[in-house]
Amino acid sequence: MLRDYHGKSMRSITEEYVTVALKSRSPLCGEPMITSRTIDGKPGVVGKQDCILEGESYVIGFPIDYPSSLLGFFSGNAMTIMMEIYSTVPWDEGTSNLVKTIHVEKK
């Protein structure tokens, strides 16, 4: 999905990404609840949605590489890769720990 994100923060971009990811999962789910939080030292987002078949489901999104200036993001001089993790494990039984401990390294 290519859009003009000029003037938006990376957190705002990530919130929109997670909202779209949740809404595309199933028509049998309620409206997503979005919470901003730092994940792996980056501006991340946790989205939660209650679904008829799956129960609680979560999408965790955060950029794993992003430019120091959003100008680089928009002009194509830098590349941003968005990490998306989908979980149906209840928050207190594992998803919370995943969010607190995840770390992605470039090799």
N, C-alpha and C. Protein backbone atom coordinates (compact mmCIF):
# COMPACT_ATOMS: atom_id res chain seq x y z
N MET A 1 0.85 -1.16 0.00
CA MET A 1 0.00 0.00 0.00
C MET A 1 0.91 1.24 0.00
N LEU A 2 0.90 1.97 -1.09
CA LEU A 2 1.73 3.15 -1.23
C LEU A 2 0.87 4.38 -0.96
N ARG A 3 1.27 5.18 0.01
CA ARG A 3 0.54 6.39 0.35
C ARG A 3 1.52 7.52 0.61
N ASP A 4 1.02 8.72 0.57
CA ASP A 4 1.83 9.89 0.90
C ASP A 4 1.77 10.09 2.40
N TYR A 5 2.84 9.77 3.09
CA TYR A 5 2.90 9.90 4.55
C TYR A 5 3.60 11.19 4.97
N HIS A 6 3.76 12.11 4.05
CA HIS A 6 4.46 13.35 4.37
C HIS A 6 3.81 14.04 5.56
N GLY A 7 4.61 14.38 6.51
CA GLY A 7 4.11 15.09 7.68
C GLY A 7 3.64 14.19 8.81
N LYS A 8 3.61 12.88 8.63
CA LYS A 8 3.17 11.98 9.69
C LYS A 8 4.38 11.40 10.41
N SER A 9 4.22 11.16 11.70
CA SER A 9 5.29 10.54 12.48
C SER A 9 5.34 9.05 12.19
N MET A 10 6.46 8.42 12.50
CA MET A 10 6.59 6.98 12.32
C MET A 10 5.56 6.25 13.18
N ARG A 11 5.26 6.75 14.37
CA ARG A 11 4.26 6.11 15.23
C ARG A 11 2.88 6.16 14.56
N SER A 12 2.54 7.29 13.96
CA SER A 12 1.27 7.43 13.26
C SER A 12 1.18 6.46 12.09
N ILE A 13 2.26 6.32 11.36
CA ILE A 13 2.30 5.38 10.24
C ILE A 13 2.11 3.95 10.75
N THR A 14 2.76 3.62 11.86
CA THR A 14 2.66 2.28 12.43
C THR A 14 1.25 2.01 12.95
N GLU A 15 0.62 3.00 13.56
CA GLU A 15 -0.76 2.84 14.04
C GLU A 15 -1.70 2.51 12.87
N GLU A 16 -1.54 3.21 11.77
CA GLU A 16 -2.39 2.95 10.61
C GLU A 16 -2.12 1.56 10.04
N TYR A 17 -0.87 1.16 9.99
CA TYR A 17 -0.48 -0.15 9.49
C TYR A 17 -1.15 -1.26 10.32
N VAL A 18 -1.08 -1.15 11.65
CA VAL A 18 -1.65 -2.18 12.53
C VAL A 18 -3.17 -2.19 12.44
N THR A 19 -3.79 -1.02 12.35
CA THR A 19 -5.25 -0.95 12.22
C THR A 19 -5.71 -1.66 10.96
N VAL A 20 -5.05 -1.40 9.85
CA VAL A 20 -5.39 -2.05 8.58
C VAL A 20 -5.17 -3.56 8.68
N ALA A 21 -4.06 -3.97 9.31
CA ALA A 21 -3.77 -5.40 9.46
C ALA A 21 -4.86 -6.10 10.27
N LEU A 22 -5.32 -5.48 11.35
CA LEU A 22 -6.37 -6.09 12.16
C LEU A 22 -7.70 -6.15 11.41
N LYS A 23 -8.07 -5.08 10.77
CA LYS A 23 -9.36 -5.03 10.07
C LYS A 23 -9.41 -6.01 8.91
N SER A 24 -8.28 -6.37 8.35
CA SER A 24 -8.26 -7.29 7.21
C SER A 24 -8.29 -8.76 7.64
N ARG A 25 -8.15 -9.04 8.92
CA ARG A 25 -8.10 -10.43 9.42
C ARG A 25 -9.42 -11.17 9.26
N SER A 26 -10.51 -10.57 9.72
CA SER A 26 -11.79 -11.27 9.70
C SER A 26 -12.94 -10.28 9.84
N PRO A 27 -14.03 -10.53 9.13
CA PRO A 27 -15.20 -9.66 9.30
C PRO A 27 -15.95 -9.96 10.60
N LEU A 28 -15.55 -11.02 11.29
CA LEU A 28 -16.22 -11.43 12.53
C LEU A 28 -15.54 -10.89 13.77
N CYS A 29 -14.85 -9.76 13.62
CA CYS A 29 -14.11 -9.16 14.73
C CYS A 29 -14.64 -7.75 15.00
N GLY A 30 -14.52 -7.33 16.24
CA GLY A 30 -14.92 -5.98 16.62
C GLY A 30 -13.89 -4.95 16.17
N GLU A 31 -14.15 -3.71 16.53
CA GLU A 31 -13.22 -2.62 16.19
C GLU A 31 -11.90 -2.80 16.95
N PRO A 32 -10.78 -2.55 16.28
CA PRO A 32 -9.48 -2.68 16.94
C PRO A 32 -9.27 -1.59 18.00
N MET A 33 -8.59 -1.96 19.06
CA MET A 33 -8.12 -1.01 20.08
C MET A 33 -6.61 -0.90 19.90
N ILE A 34 -6.13 0.32 19.70
CA ILE A 34 -4.72 0.55 19.39
C ILE A 34 -4.03 1.23 20.57
N THR A 35 -2.87 0.70 20.95
CA THR A 35 -2.07 1.27 22.03
C THR A 35 -0.65 1.50 21.53
N SER A 36 -0.16 2.71 21.67
CA SER A 36 1.22 3.01 21.29
C SER A 36 2.15 2.63 22.43
N ARG A 37 3.29 2.05 22.06
CA ARG A 37 4.30 1.71 23.07
C ARG A 37 5.64 1.52 22.37
N THR A 38 6.68 1.65 23.12
CA THR A 38 8.02 1.43 22.56
C THR A 38 8.26 -0.08 22.52
N ILE A 39 8.64 -0.58 21.34
CA ILE A 39 8.93 -1.99 21.15
C ILE A 39 10.32 -2.10 20.54
N ASP A 40 11.20 -2.79 21.20
CA ASP A 40 12.58 -2.95 20.73
C ASP A 40 13.24 -1.59 20.49
N GLY A 41 12.89 -0.61 21.33
CA GLY A 41 13.48 0.72 21.24
C GLY A 41 12.93 1.59 20.13
N LYS A 42 11.85 1.15 19.50
CA LYS A 42 11.28 1.89 18.37
C LYS A 42 9.82 2.22 18.64
N PRO A 43 9.26 3.20 17.92
CA PRO A 43 7.86 3.57 18.14
C PRO A 43 6.93 2.49 17.60
N GLY A 44 6.42 1.67 18.49
CA GLY A 44 5.58 0.55 18.08
C GLY A 44 4.14 0.71 18.49
N VAL A 45 3.35 -0.26 18.08
CA VAL A 45 1.92 -0.24 18.34
C VAL A 45 1.45 -1.67 18.62
N VAL A 46 0.56 -1.79 19.60
CA VAL A 46 -0.11 -3.07 19.84
C VAL A 46 -1.58 -2.84 19.56
N GLY A 47 -2.14 -3.65 18.67
CA GLY A 47 -3.55 -3.58 18.36
C GLY A 47 -4.24 -4.82 18.89
N LYS A 48 -5.37 -4.65 19.55
CA LYS A 48 -6.14 -5.78 20.09
C LYS A 48 -7.53 -5.76 19.46
N GLN A 49 -8.04 -6.95 19.20
CA GLN A 49 -9.35 -7.07 18.60
C GLN A 49 -10.02 -8.32 19.17
N ASP A 50 -11.30 -8.22 19.48
CA ASP A 50 -12.05 -9.38 19.94
C ASP A 50 -12.78 -9.97 18.74
N CYS A 51 -12.56 -11.27 18.53
CA CYS A 51 -13.14 -11.96 17.38
C CYS A 51 -14.05 -13.09 17.85
N ILE A 52 -15.10 -13.34 17.10
CA ILE A 52 -16.06 -14.38 17.46
C ILE A 52 -15.40 -15.75 17.47
N LEU A 53 -14.62 -16.08 16.46
CA LEU A 53 -14.02 -17.42 16.36
C LEU A 53 -12.72 -17.56 17.14
N GLU A 54 -11.86 -16.53 17.11
CA GLU A 54 -10.53 -16.63 17.70
C GLU A 54 -10.45 -16.10 19.12
N GLY A 55 -11.42 -15.34 19.57
CA GLY A 55 -11.31 -14.65 20.85
C GLY A 55 -10.43 -13.43 20.68
N GLU A 56 -9.61 -13.14 21.68
CA GLU A 56 -8.70 -12.00 21.58
C GLU A 56 -7.62 -12.29 20.54
N SER A 57 -7.34 -11.30 19.72
CA SER A 57 -6.21 -11.41 18.81
C SER A 57 -5.45 -10.09 18.84
N TYR A 58 -4.16 -10.20 18.62
CA TYR A 58 -3.27 -9.04 18.69
C TYR A 58 -2.43 -8.94 17.42
N VAL A 59 -2.17 -7.73 17.00
CA VAL A 59 -1.15 -7.46 15.99
C VAL A 59 -0.19 -6.47 16.61
N ILE A 60 1.07 -6.85 16.60
CA ILE A 60 2.14 -6.01 17.13
C ILE A 60 2.92 -5.51 15.92
N GLY A 61 3.09 -4.21 15.81
CA GLY A 61 3.80 -3.66 14.66
C GLY A 61 4.83 -2.64 15.11
N PHE A 62 5.99 -2.69 14.46
CA PHE A 62 7.04 -1.69 14.71
C PHE A 62 8.03 -1.73 13.56
N PRO A 63 8.65 -0.59 13.28
CA PRO A 63 9.66 -0.55 12.21
C PRO A 63 10.95 -1.20 12.70
N ILE A 64 11.57 -2.03 11.86
CA ILE A 64 12.83 -2.62 12.29
C ILE A 64 14.03 -1.88 11.71
N ASP A 65 13.77 -1.00 10.75
CA ASP A 65 14.82 -0.16 10.22
C ASP A 65 14.15 1.08 9.67
N TYR A 66 14.56 2.24 10.12
CA TYR A 66 13.96 3.44 9.59
C TYR A 66 14.96 4.58 9.59
N PRO A 67 14.77 5.53 8.71
CA PRO A 67 15.73 6.63 8.55
C PRO A 67 15.67 7.60 9.72
N SER A 68 16.74 8.34 9.92
CA SER A 68 16.75 9.35 10.98
C SER A 68 15.86 10.52 10.61
N SER A 69 15.58 10.66 9.35
CA SER A 69 14.69 11.72 8.87
C SER A 69 13.58 11.09 8.05
N LEU A 70 12.35 11.48 8.32
CA LEU A 70 11.25 10.95 7.54
C LEU A 70 11.34 11.39 6.08
N LEU A 71 12.14 12.42 5.81
CA LEU A 71 12.35 12.83 4.43
C LEU A 71 12.92 11.67 3.63
N GLY A 72 13.84 10.91 4.25
CA GLY A 72 14.40 9.74 3.59
C GLY A 72 13.33 8.70 3.30
N PHE A 73 12.38 8.53 4.22
CA PHE A 73 11.29 7.57 4.05
C PHE A 73 10.44 7.93 2.85
N PHE A 74 10.13 9.22 2.71
CA PHE A 74 9.24 9.65 1.64
C PHE A 74 9.93 9.75 0.29
N SER A 75 11.20 10.10 0.30
CA SER A 75 11.87 10.33 -0.98
C SER A 75 12.42 9.04 -1.58
N GLY A 76 12.39 7.95 -0.82
CA GLY A 76 12.92 6.70 -1.32
C GLY A 76 14.41 6.54 -1.08
N ASN A 77 15.02 7.47 -0.34
CA ASN A 77 16.44 7.37 -0.06
C ASN A 77 16.74 6.39 1.07
N ALA A 78 15.72 5.96 1.78
CA ALA A 78 15.90 5.00 2.85
C ALA A 78 14.71 4.04 2.80
N MET A 79 14.90 2.88 3.38
CA MET A 79 13.85 1.88 3.34
C MET A 79 13.39 1.57 4.75
N THR A 80 12.10 1.50 4.95
CA THR A 80 11.56 1.12 6.23
C THR A 80 10.88 -0.23 6.08
N ILE A 81 11.24 -1.15 6.94
CA ILE A 81 10.63 -2.47 6.96
C ILE A 81 9.78 -2.55 8.21
N MET A 82 8.51 -2.89 8.05
CA MET A 82 7.60 -2.97 9.18
C MET A 82 7.49 -4.41 9.63
N MET A 83 7.75 -4.65 10.91
CA MET A 83 7.60 -5.98 11.48
C MET A 83 6.16 -6.12 11.97
N GLU A 84 5.53 -7.22 11.60
CA GLU A 84 4.16 -7.50 12.05
C GLU A 84 4.14 -8.87 12.71
N ILE A 85 3.63 -8.93 13.92
CA ILE A 85 3.50 -10.19 14.64
C ILE A 85 2.03 -10.35 15.00
N TYR A 86 1.48 -11.52 14.70
CA TYR A 86 0.09 -11.81 14.99
C TYR A 86 0.04 -12.83 16.12
N SER A 87 -0.79 -12.61 17.12
CA SER A 87 -0.87 -13.52 18.26
C SER A 87 -2.32 -13.68 18.72
N THR A 88 -2.67 -14.92 19.05
CA THR A 88 -3.96 -15.18 19.68
C THR A 88 -3.76 -15.69 21.11
N VAL A 89 -2.52 -15.65 21.58
CA VAL A 89 -2.22 -16.00 22.97
C VAL A 89 -2.71 -14.86 23.85
N PRO A 90 -3.46 -15.16 24.93
CA PRO A 90 -3.93 -14.08 25.80
C PRO A 90 -2.78 -13.19 26.28
N TRP A 91 -3.08 -11.91 26.48
CA TRP A 91 -2.07 -10.91 26.84
C TRP A 91 -1.25 -11.36 28.04
N ASP A 92 -1.90 -11.77 29.12
CA ASP A 92 -1.20 -12.13 30.35
C ASP A 92 -0.54 -13.51 30.30
N GLU A 93 -0.80 -14.28 29.26
CA GLU A 93 -0.24 -15.62 29.15
C GLU A 93 0.90 -15.73 28.15
N GLY A 94 1.35 -14.61 27.59
CA GLY A 94 2.49 -14.70 26.70
C GLY A 94 2.70 -13.54 25.75
N THR A 95 1.63 -12.94 25.26
CA THR A 95 1.80 -11.84 24.29
C THR A 95 2.50 -10.65 24.94
N SER A 96 2.16 -10.35 26.19
CA SER A 96 2.82 -9.24 26.89
C SER A 96 4.32 -9.47 27.01
N ASN A 97 4.72 -10.68 27.38
CA ASN A 97 6.15 -11.00 27.48
C ASN A 97 6.85 -10.91 26.14
N LEU A 98 6.17 -11.33 25.09
CA LEU A 98 6.74 -11.22 23.74
C LEU A 98 7.04 -9.77 23.40
N VAL A 99 6.08 -8.89 23.66
CA VAL A 99 6.25 -7.46 23.36
C VAL A 99 7.42 -6.87 24.17
N LYS A 100 7.56 -7.29 25.41
CA LYS A 100 8.61 -6.75 26.28
C LYS A 100 10.01 -7.25 25.91
N THR A 101 10.09 -8.44 25.32
CA THR A 101 11.42 -9.04 25.13
C THR A 101 11.87 -9.16 23.68
N ILE A 102 11.02 -8.84 22.72
CA ILE A 102 11.40 -9.03 21.33
C ILE A 102 12.56 -8.11 20.94
N HIS A 103 13.47 -8.66 20.15
CA HIS A 103 14.58 -7.87 19.63
C HIS A 103 14.95 -8.42 18.26
N VAL A 104 15.03 -7.54 17.28
CA VAL A 104 15.37 -7.94 15.92
C VAL A 104 16.71 -7.31 15.57
N GLU A 105 17.62 -8.13 15.06
CA GLU A 105 18.94 -7.64 14.65
C GLU A 105 19.15 -7.86 13.16
N LYS A 106 19.84 -6.93 12.57
CA LYS A 106 20.21 -7.05 11.15
C LYS A 106 21.53 -7.78 11.07
N LYS A 107 21.59 -8.82 10.26
CA LYS A 107 22.84 -9.61 10.13
C LYS A 107 23.44 -9.37 8.77
